[in-house]
Amino acid sequence: MDYRDEILKSALLMIKKSLADYRSDRTYKTIVKRIDKKGYAVLDDTGSERIVPCCIPAVTLRPGQAVYVKEPMGKLNELHICGVVGK
């Protein structure tokens, strides 16, 4: 058995494990599906509809408008609108 292959396999295993545990903020583009009493209905990254708040002061969004949403540290329950695409 070649020790270099074993070292490489061990390093790859450690990298895969650390990437699986990695959490970071993700921002992506989506559209406002509809307006709800609790917030705006948007599609998350997996295609599921979620009601989220808008964190932009004094802005009114409309259905069909493209927005940016932020998913902080991979927590979908904290998903929020953080920007508007174009004007």
PDB file of N, CA and C in Angstrom:
ATOM      1  N   MET A   1       0.841  -1.181   0.000  1.00  0.00           N
ATOM      2  CA  MET A   1       0.000   0.000   0.000  1.00  0.00           C
ATOM      3  C   MET A   1       0.889   1.248   0.000  1.00  0.00           C
ATOM      4  N   ASP A   2       0.539   2.192  -0.840  1.00  0.00           N
ATOM      5  CA  ASP A   2       1.328   3.409  -0.979  1.00  0.00           C
ATOM      6  C   ASP A   2       0.900   4.427   0.076  1.00  0.00           C
ATOM      7  N   TYR A   3       1.843   4.903   0.885  1.00  0.00           N
ATOM      8  CA  TYR A   3       1.522   5.844   1.955  1.00  0.00           C
ATOM      9  C   TYR A   3       1.053   7.201   1.415  1.00  0.00           C
ATOM     10  N   ARG A   4       1.505   7.566   0.216  1.00  0.00           N
ATOM     11  CA  ARG A   4       1.079   8.850  -0.362  1.00  0.00           C
ATOM     12  C   ARG A   4      -0.415   8.838  -0.689  1.00  0.00           C
ATOM     13  N   ASP A   5      -0.907   7.726  -1.200  1.00  0.00           N
ATOM     14  CA  ASP A   5      -2.348   7.607  -1.481  1.00  0.00           C
ATOM     15  C   ASP A   5      -3.165   7.671  -0.203  1.00  0.00           C
ATOM     16  N   GLU A   6      -2.664   7.052   0.857  1.00  0.00           N
ATOM     17  CA  GLU A   6      -3.375   7.073   2.137  1.00  0.00           C
ATOM     18  C   GLU A   6      -3.428   8.483   2.717  1.00  0.00           C
ATOM     19  N   ILE A   7      -2.340   9.211   2.608  1.00  0.00           N
ATOM     20  CA  ILE A   7      -2.312  10.597   3.094  1.00  0.00           C
ATOM     21  C   ILE A   7      -3.290  11.447   2.292  1.00  0.00           C
ATOM     22  N   LEU A   8      -3.308  11.272   0.994  1.00  0.00           N
ATOM     23  CA  LEU A   8      -4.223  12.025   0.128  1.00  0.00           C
ATOM     24  C   LEU A   8      -5.678  11.695   0.453  1.00  0.00           C
ATOM     25  N   LYS A   9      -5.989  10.414   0.646  1.00  0.00           N
ATOM     26  CA  LYS A   9      -7.352  10.017   0.997  1.00  0.00           C
ATOM     27  C   LYS A   9      -7.774  10.617   2.334  1.00  0.00           C
ATOM     28  N   SER A  10      -6.866  10.630   3.307  1.00  0.00           N
ATOM     29  CA  SER A  10      -7.167  11.213   4.623  1.00  0.00           C
ATOM     30  C   SER A  10      -7.420  12.708   4.511  1.00  0.00           C
ATOM     31  N   ALA A  11      -6.602  13.397   3.732  1.00  0.00           N
ATOM     32  CA  ALA A  11      -6.782  14.839   3.549  1.00  0.00           C
ATOM     33  C   ALA A  11      -8.111  15.143   2.862  1.00  0.00           C
ATOM     34  N   LEU A  12      -8.467  14.374   1.844  1.00  0.00           N
ATOM     35  CA  LEU A  12      -9.744  14.577   1.160  1.00  0.00           C
ATOM     36  C   LEU A  12     -10.919  14.320   2.082  1.00  0.00           C
ATOM     37  N   LEU A  13     -10.816  13.321   2.915  1.00  0.00           N
ATOM     38  CA  LEU A  13     -11.873  13.020   3.881  1.00  0.00           C
ATOM     39  C   LEU A  13     -12.059  14.173   4.868  1.00  0.00           C
ATOM     40  N   MET A  14     -10.966  14.744   5.348  1.00  0.00           N
ATOM     41  CA  MET A  14     -11.048  15.882   6.273  1.00  0.00           C
ATOM     42  C   MET A  14     -11.658  17.099   5.581  1.00  0.00           C
ATOM     43  N   ILE A  15     -11.305  17.355   4.345  1.00  0.00           N
ATOM     44  CA  ILE A  15     -11.852  18.498   3.601  1.00  0.00           C
ATOM     45  C   ILE A  15     -13.347  18.325   3.384  1.00  0.00           C
ATOM     46  N   LYS A  16     -13.781  17.137   2.988  1.00  0.00           N
ATOM     47  CA  LYS A  16     -15.212  16.892   2.779  1.00  0.00           C
ATOM     48  C   LYS A  16     -15.992  17.081   4.072  1.00  0.00           C
ATOM     49  N   LYS A  17     -15.462  16.622   5.199  1.00  0.00           N
ATOM     50  CA  LYS A  17     -16.147  16.766   6.474  1.00  0.00           C
ATOM     51  C   LYS A  17     -16.249  18.235   6.864  1.00  0.00           C
ATOM     52  N   SER A  18     -15.173  18.992   6.692  1.00  0.00           N
ATOM     53  CA  SER A  18     -15.220  20.402   7.074  1.00  0.00           C
ATOM     54  C   SER A  18     -16.151  21.190   6.158  1.00  0.00           C
ATOM     55  N   LEU A  19     -16.244  20.839   4.893  1.00  0.00           N
ATOM     56  CA  LEU A  19     -17.174  21.523   3.994  1.00  0.00           C
ATOM     57  C   LEU A  19     -18.624  21.196   4.328  1.00  0.00           C
ATOM     58  N   ALA A  20     -18.890  19.997   4.787  1.00  0.00           N
ATOM     59  CA  ALA A  20     -20.253  19.617   5.159  1.00  0.00           C
ATOM     60  C   ALA A  20     -20.720  20.392   6.389  1.00  0.00           C
ATOM     61  N   ASP A  21     -19.800  20.738   7.282  1.00  0.00           N
ATOM     62  CA  ASP A  21     -20.133  21.474   8.501  1.00  0.00           C
ATOM     63  C   ASP A  21     -20.057  22.989   8.319  1.00  0.00           C
ATOM     64  N   TYR A  22     -19.642  23.446   7.159  1.00  0.00           N
ATOM     65  CA  TYR A  22     -19.423  24.866   6.923  1.00  0.00           C
ATOM     66  C   TYR A  22     -20.742  25.627   6.821  1.00  0.00           C
ATOM     67  N   ARG A  23     -20.852  26.736   7.520  1.00  0.00           N
ATOM     68  CA  ARG A  23     -22.024  27.604   7.479  1.00  0.00           C
ATOM     69  C   ARG A  23     -21.561  29.019   7.147  1.00  0.00           C
ATOM     70  N   SER A  24     -22.292  29.677   6.268  1.00  0.00           N
ATOM     71  CA  SER A  24     -21.975  31.053   5.929  1.00  0.00           C
ATOM     72  C   SER A  24     -23.246  31.750   5.450  1.00  0.00           C
ATOM     73  N   ASP A  25     -23.187  33.068   5.372  1.00  0.00           N
ATOM     74  CA  ASP A  25     -24.308  33.823   4.821  1.00  0.00           C
ATOM     75  C   ASP A  25     -24.399  33.539   3.326  1.00  0.00           C
ATOM     76  N   ARG A  26     -25.623  33.384   2.847  1.00  0.00           N
ATOM     77  CA  ARG A  26     -25.839  33.194   1.416  1.00  0.00           C
ATOM     78  C   ARG A  26     -26.842  34.242   0.958  1.00  0.00           C
ATOM     79  N   THR A  27     -26.563  34.887  -0.123  1.00  0.00           N
ATOM     80  CA  THR A  27     -27.477  35.850  -0.715  1.00  0.00           C
ATOM     81  C   THR A  27     -27.757  35.396  -2.137  1.00  0.00           C
ATOM     82  N   TYR A  28     -29.043  35.375  -2.492  1.00  0.00           N
ATOM     83  CA  TYR A  28     -29.399  34.958  -3.838  1.00  0.00           C
ATOM     84  C   TYR A  28     -30.639  35.714  -4.311  1.00  0.00           C
ATOM     85  N   LYS A  29     -30.851  35.678  -5.618  1.00  0.00           N
ATOM     86  CA  LYS A  29     -31.939  36.412  -6.247  1.00  0.00           C
ATOM     87  C   LYS A  29     -33.188  35.541  -6.316  1.00  0.00           C
ATOM     88  N   THR A  30     -34.355  36.151  -6.044  1.00  0.00           N
ATOM     89  CA  THR A  30     -35.634  35.479  -6.156  1.00  0.00           C
ATOM     90  C   THR A  30     -36.695  36.530  -6.493  1.00  0.00           C
ATOM     91  N   ILE A  31     -37.948  36.127  -6.543  1.00  0.00           N
ATOM     92  CA  ILE A  31     -39.013  37.090  -6.822  1.00  0.00           C
ATOM     93  C   ILE A  31     -40.058  37.059  -5.714  1.00  0.00           C
ATOM     94  N   VAL A  32     -40.749  38.176  -5.574  1.00  0.00           N
ATOM     95  CA  VAL A  32     -41.856  38.262  -4.626  1.00  0.00           C
ATOM     96  C   VAL A  32     -43.062  37.611  -5.288  1.00  0.00           C
ATOM     97  N   LYS A  33     -43.569  36.549  -4.687  1.00  0.00           N
ATOM     98  CA  LYS A  33     -44.732  35.843  -5.246  1.00  0.00           C
ATOM     99  C   LYS A  33     -46.030  36.577  -4.906  1.00  0.00           C
ATOM    100  N   ARG A  34     -46.154  36.972  -3.638  1.00  0.00           N
ATOM    101  CA  ARG A  34     -47.356  37.680  -3.184  1.00  0.00           C
ATOM    102  C   ARG A  34     -47.031  38.387  -1.886  1.00  0.00           C
ATOM    103  N   ILE A  35     -47.940  39.273  -1.493  1.00  0.00           N
ATOM    104  CA  ILE A  35     -47.785  40.005  -0.241  1.00  0.00           C
ATOM    105  C   ILE A  35     -48.743  39.408   0.774  1.00  0.00           C
ATOM    106  N   ASP A  36     -48.232  39.130   1.959  1.00  0.00           N
ATOM    107  CA  ASP A  36     -48.996  38.507   3.036  1.00  0.00           C
ATOM    108  C   ASP A  36     -49.044  39.473   4.222  1.00  0.00           C
ATOM    109  N   LYS A  37     -49.946  39.224   5.171  1.00  0.00           N
ATOM    110  CA  LYS A  37     -50.013  40.072   6.365  1.00  0.00           C
ATOM    111  C   LYS A  37     -48.707  40.041   7.155  1.00  0.00           C
ATOM    112  N   LYS A  38     -48.029  38.899   7.155  1.00  0.00           N
ATOM    113  CA  LYS A  38     -46.811  38.731   7.940  1.00  0.00           C
ATOM    114  C   LYS A  38     -45.542  39.125   7.195  1.00  0.00           C
ATOM    115  N   GLY A  39     -45.624  39.365   5.905  1.00  0.00           N
ATOM    116  CA  GLY A  39     -44.440  39.719   5.127  1.00  0.00           C
ATOM    117  C   GLY A  39     -44.647  39.440   3.649  1.00  0.00           C
ATOM    118  N   TYR A  40     -43.590  39.054   2.997  1.00  0.00           N
ATOM    119  CA  TYR A  40     -43.611  38.800   1.558  1.00  0.00           C
ATOM    120  C   TYR A  40     -43.366  37.316   1.300  1.00  0.00           C
ATOM    121  N   ALA A  41     -44.118  36.738   0.388  1.00  0.00           N
ATOM    122  CA  ALA A  41     -43.922  35.341   0.008  1.00  0.00           C
ATOM    123  C   ALA A  41     -42.896  35.292  -1.121  1.00  0.00           C
ATOM    124  N   VAL A  42     -41.787  34.605  -0.860  1.00  0.00           N
ATOM    125  CA  VAL A  42     -40.720  34.444  -1.847  1.00  0.00           C
ATOM    126  C   VAL A  42     -40.362  32.970  -1.932  1.00  0.00           C
ATOM    127  N   LEU A  43     -39.640  32.607  -2.976  1.00  0.00           N
ATOM    128  CA  LEU A  43     -39.134  31.244  -3.112  1.00  0.00           C
ATOM    129  C   LEU A  43     -37.717  31.191  -2.552  1.00  0.00           C
ATOM    130  N   ASP A  44     -37.449  30.211  -1.681  1.00  0.00           N
ATOM    131  CA  ASP A  44     -36.088  30.068  -1.176  1.00  0.00           C
ATOM    132  C   ASP A  44     -35.237  29.316  -2.200  1.00  0.00           C
ATOM    133  N   ASP A  45     -34.022  29.018  -1.836  1.00  0.00           N
ATOM    134  CA  ASP A  45     -33.062  28.393  -2.753  1.00  0.00           C
ATOM    135  C   ASP A  45     -33.500  26.999  -3.205  1.00  0.00           C
ATOM    136  N   THR A  46     -34.317  26.328  -2.404  1.00  0.00           N
ATOM    137  CA  THR A  46     -34.774  24.982  -2.756  1.00  0.00           C
ATOM    138  C   THR A  46     -36.080  24.998  -3.531  1.00  0.00           C
ATOM    139  N   GLY A  47     -36.685  26.180  -3.706  1.00  0.00           N
ATOM    140  CA  GLY A  47     -37.938  26.297  -4.440  1.00  0.00           C
ATOM    141  C   GLY A  47     -39.166  26.290  -3.557  1.00  0.00           C
ATOM    142  N   SER A  48     -38.994  26.252  -2.250  1.00  0.00           N
ATOM    143  CA  SER A  48     -40.119  26.293  -1.315  1.00  0.00           C
ATOM    144  C   SER A  48     -40.536  27.735  -1.065  1.00  0.00           C
ATOM    145  N   GLU A  49     -41.837  27.946  -0.927  1.00  0.00           N
ATOM    146  CA  GLU A  49     -42.333  29.291  -0.669  1.00  0.00           C
ATOM    147  C   GLU A  49     -42.223  29.599   0.819  1.00  0.00           C
ATOM    148  N   ARG A  50     -41.705  30.784   1.137  1.00  0.00           N
ATOM    149  CA  ARG A  50     -41.536  31.220   2.526  1.00  0.00           C
ATOM    150  C   ARG A  50     -42.018  32.658   2.681  1.00  0.00           C
ATOM    151  N   ILE A  51     -42.584  32.934   3.844  1.00  0.00           N
ATOM    152  CA  ILE A  51     -42.986  34.301   4.185  1.00  0.00           C
ATOM    153  C   ILE A  51     -41.812  34.924   4.929  1.00  0.00           C
ATOM    154  N   VAL A  52     -41.302  36.035   4.392  1.00  0.00           N
ATOM    155  CA  VAL A  52     -40.110  36.673   4.971  1.00  0.00           C
ATOM    156  C   VAL A  52     -40.341  38.167   5.140  1.00  0.00           C
ATOM    157  N   PRO A  53     -39.637  38.788   6.090  1.00  0.00           N
ATOM    158  CA  PRO A  53     -39.724  40.240   6.242  1.00  0.00           C
ATOM    159  C   PRO A  53     -38.783  40.946   5.272  1.00  0.00           C
ATOM    160  N   CYS A  54     -39.025  42.218   5.076  1.00  0.00           N
ATOM    161  CA  CYS A  54     -38.136  43.053   4.266  1.00  0.00           C
ATOM    162  C   CYS A  54     -37.362  43.947   5.222  1.00  0.00           C
ATOM    163  N   CYS A  55     -36.046  43.946   5.132  1.00  0.00           N
ATOM    164  CA  CYS A  55     -35.202  44.722   6.028  1.00  0.00           C
ATOM    165  C   CYS A  55     -34.754  46.043   5.416  1.00  0.00           C
ATOM    166  N   ILE A  56     -35.388  46.452   4.330  1.00  0.00           N
ATOM    167  CA  ILE A  56     -35.047  47.712   3.681  1.00  0.00           C
ATOM    168  C   ILE A  56     -36.063  48.751   4.156  1.00  0.00           C
ATOM    169  N   PRO A  57     -35.620  49.806   4.829  1.00  0.00           N
ATOM    170  CA  PRO A  57     -36.563  50.799   5.328  1.00  0.00           C
ATOM    171  C   PRO A  57     -37.222  51.593   4.191  1.00  0.00           C
ATOM    172  N   ALA A  58     -38.496  51.905   4.372  1.00  0.00           N
ATOM    173  CA  ALA A  58     -39.277  52.766   3.473  1.00  0.00           C
ATOM    174  C   ALA A  58     -39.294  52.272   2.025  1.00  0.00           C
ATOM    175  N   VAL A  59     -39.431  50.973   1.825  1.00  0.00           N
ATOM    176  CA  VAL A  59     -39.548  50.450   0.469  1.00  0.00           C
ATOM    177  C   VAL A  59     -40.832  49.631   0.389  1.00  0.00           C
ATOM    178  N   THR A  60     -41.522  49.759  -0.730  1.00  0.00           N
ATOM    179  CA  THR A  60     -42.731  48.989  -0.969  1.00  0.00           C
ATOM    180  C   THR A  60     -42.453  48.052  -2.136  1.00  0.00           C
ATOM    181  N   LEU A  61     -42.653  46.782  -1.902  1.00  0.00           N
ATOM    182  CA  LEU A  61     -42.421  45.776  -2.940  1.00  0.00           C
ATOM    183  C   LEU A  61     -43.751  45.332  -3.521  1.00  0.00           C
ATOM    184  N   ARG A  62     -43.713  44.813  -4.739  1.00  0.00           N
ATOM    185  CA  ARG A  62     -44.934  44.347  -5.400  1.00  0.00           C
ATOM    186  C   ARG A  62     -44.713  42.926  -5.922  1.00  0.00           C
ATOM    187  N   PRO A  63     -45.785  42.171  -6.105  1.00  0.00           N
ATOM    188  CA  PRO A  63     -45.641  40.813  -6.637  1.00  0.00           C
ATOM    189  C   PRO A  63     -44.955  40.823  -8.012  1.00  0.00           C
ATOM    190  N   GLY A  64     -44.069  39.869  -8.219  1.00  0.00           N
ATOM    191  CA  GLY A  64     -43.335  39.771  -9.472  1.00  0.00           C
ATOM    192  C   GLY A  64     -42.027  40.537  -9.480  1.00  0.00           C
ATOM    193  N   GLN A  65     -41.763  41.296  -8.434  1.00  0.00           N
ATOM    194  CA  GLN A  65     -40.542  42.092  -8.374  1.00  0.00           C
ATOM    195  C   GLN A  65     -39.364  41.214  -7.945  1.00  0.00           C
ATOM    196  N   ALA A  66     -38.223  41.403  -8.597  1.00  0.00           N
ATOM    197  CA  ALA A  66     -37.016  40.631  -8.267  1.00  0.00           C
ATOM    198  C   ALA A  66     -36.312  41.268  -7.072  1.00  0.00           C
ATOM    199  N   VAL A  67     -35.929  40.430  -6.116  1.00  0.00           N
ATOM    200  CA  VAL A  67     -35.265  40.900  -4.901  1.00  0.00           C
ATOM    201  C   VAL A  67     -34.108  39.967  -4.565  1.00  0.00           C
ATOM    202  N   TYR A  68     -33.230  40.455  -3.691  1.00  0.00           N
ATOM    203  CA  TYR A  68     -32.180  39.626  -3.119  1.00  0.00           C
ATOM    204  C   TYR A  68     -32.610  39.228  -1.714  1.00  0.00           C
ATOM    205  N   VAL A  69     -32.436  37.962  -1.370  1.00  0.00           N
ATOM    206  CA  VAL A  69     -32.714  37.501  -0.013  1.00  0.00           C
ATOM    207  C   VAL A  69     -31.420  36.965   0.602  1.00  0.00           C
ATOM    208  N   LYS A  70     -31.300  37.159   1.904  1.00  0.00           N
ATOM    209  CA  LYS A  70     -30.113  36.694   2.625  1.00  0.00           C
ATOM    210  C   LYS A  70     -30.518  35.597   3.598  1.00  0.00           C
ATOM    211  N   GLU A  71     -29.734  34.532   3.596  1.00  0.00           N
ATOM    212  CA  GLU A  71     -29.904  33.394   4.500  1.00  0.00           C
ATOM    213  C   GLU A  71     -28.692  33.392   5.428  1.00  0.00           C
ATOM    214  N   PRO A  72     -28.821  34.004   6.616  1.00  0.00           N
ATOM    215  CA  PRO A  72     -27.651  34.112   7.488  1.00  0.00           C
ATOM    216  C   PRO A  72     -27.249  32.784   8.119  1.00  0.00           C
ATOM    217  N   MET A  73     -25.998  32.420   7.936  1.00  0.00           N
ATOM    218  CA  MET A  73     -25.402  31.225   8.528  1.00  0.00           C
ATOM    219  C   MET A  73     -26.202  29.949   8.262  1.00  0.00           C
ATOM    220  N   GLY A  74     -26.886  29.888   7.106  1.00  0.00           N
ATOM    221  CA  GLY A  74     -27.643  28.705   6.731  1.00  0.00           C
ATOM    222  C   GLY A  74     -28.949  28.528   7.485  1.00  0.00           C
ATOM    223  N   LYS A  75     -29.404  29.559   8.201  1.00  0.00           N
ATOM    224  CA  LYS A  75     -30.642  29.479   8.994  1.00  0.00           C
ATOM    225  C   LYS A  75     -31.813  29.982   8.156  1.00  0.00           C
ATOM    226  N   LEU A  76     -32.596  29.055   7.627  1.00  0.00           N
ATOM    227  CA  LEU A  76     -33.736  29.430   6.788  1.00  0.00           C
ATOM    228  C   LEU A  76     -34.810  30.192   7.560  1.00  0.00           C
ATOM    229  N   ASN A  77     -34.902  29.979   8.865  1.00  0.00           N
ATOM    230  CA  ASN A  77     -35.907  30.696   9.643  1.00  0.00           C
ATOM    231  C   ASN A  77     -35.562  32.176   9.815  1.00  0.00           C
ATOM    232  N   GLU A  78     -34.339  32.578   9.464  1.00  0.00           N
ATOM    233  CA  GLU A  78     -33.939  33.980   9.525  1.00  0.00           C
ATOM    234  C   GLU A  78     -33.801  34.606   8.132  1.00  0.00           C
ATOM    235  N   LEU A  79     -34.336  33.954   7.120  1.00  0.00           N
ATOM    236  CA  LEU A  79     -34.302  34.449   5.744  1.00  0.00           C
ATOM    237  C   LEU A  79     -35.010  35.806   5.690  1.00  0.00           C
ATOM    238  N   HIS A  80     -34.432  36.773   4.981  1.00  0.00           N
ATOM    239  CA  HIS A  80     -35.050  38.106   4.862  1.00  0.00           C
ATOM    240  C   HIS A  80     -34.632  38.776   3.548  1.00  0.00           C
ATOM    241  N   ILE A  81     -35.448  39.719   3.123  1.00  0.00           N
ATOM    242  CA  ILE A  81     -35.160  40.483   1.903  1.00  0.00           C
ATOM    243  C   ILE A  81     -34.144  41.559   2.268  1.00  0.00           C
ATOM    244  N   CYS A  82     -33.053  41.609   1.502  1.00  0.00           N
ATOM    245  CA  CYS A  82     -31.984  42.558   1.827  1.00  0.00           C
ATOM    246  C   CYS A  82     -31.678  43.520   0.682  1.00  0.00           C
ATOM    247  N   GLY A  83     -32.317  43.353  -0.462  1.00  0.00           N
ATOM    248  CA  GLY A  83     -32.049  44.245  -1.590  1.00  0.00           C
ATOM    249  C   GLY A  83     -33.052  44.070  -2.700  1.00  0.00           C
ATOM    250  N   VAL A  84     -33.112  45.073  -3.562  1.00  0.00           N
ATOM    251  CA  VAL A  84     -34.012  45.056  -4.715  1.00  0.00           C
ATOM    252  C   VAL A  84     -33.148  45.013  -5.968  1.00  0.00           C
ATOM    253  N   VAL A  85     -33.515  44.155  -6.911  1.00  0.00           N
ATOM    254  CA  VAL A  85     -32.778  44.021  -8.157  1.00  0.00           C
ATOM    255  C   VAL A  85     -33.242  45.113  -9.107  1.00  0.00           C
ATOM    256  N   GLY A  86     -32.302  45.898  -9.610  1.00  0.00           N
ATOM    257  CA  GLY A  86     -32.631  46.966 -10.557  1.00  0.00           C
ATOM    258  C   GLY A  86     -33.526  48.008  -9.946  1.00  0.00           C
ATOM    259  N   LYS A  87     -34.201  48.759 -10.823  1.00  0.00           N
ATOM    260  CA  LYS A  87     -35.120  49.797 -10.338  1.00  0.00           C
ATOM    261  C   LYS A  87     -36.462  49.673 -10.994  1.00  0.00           C
TER     262      LYS A  87
END
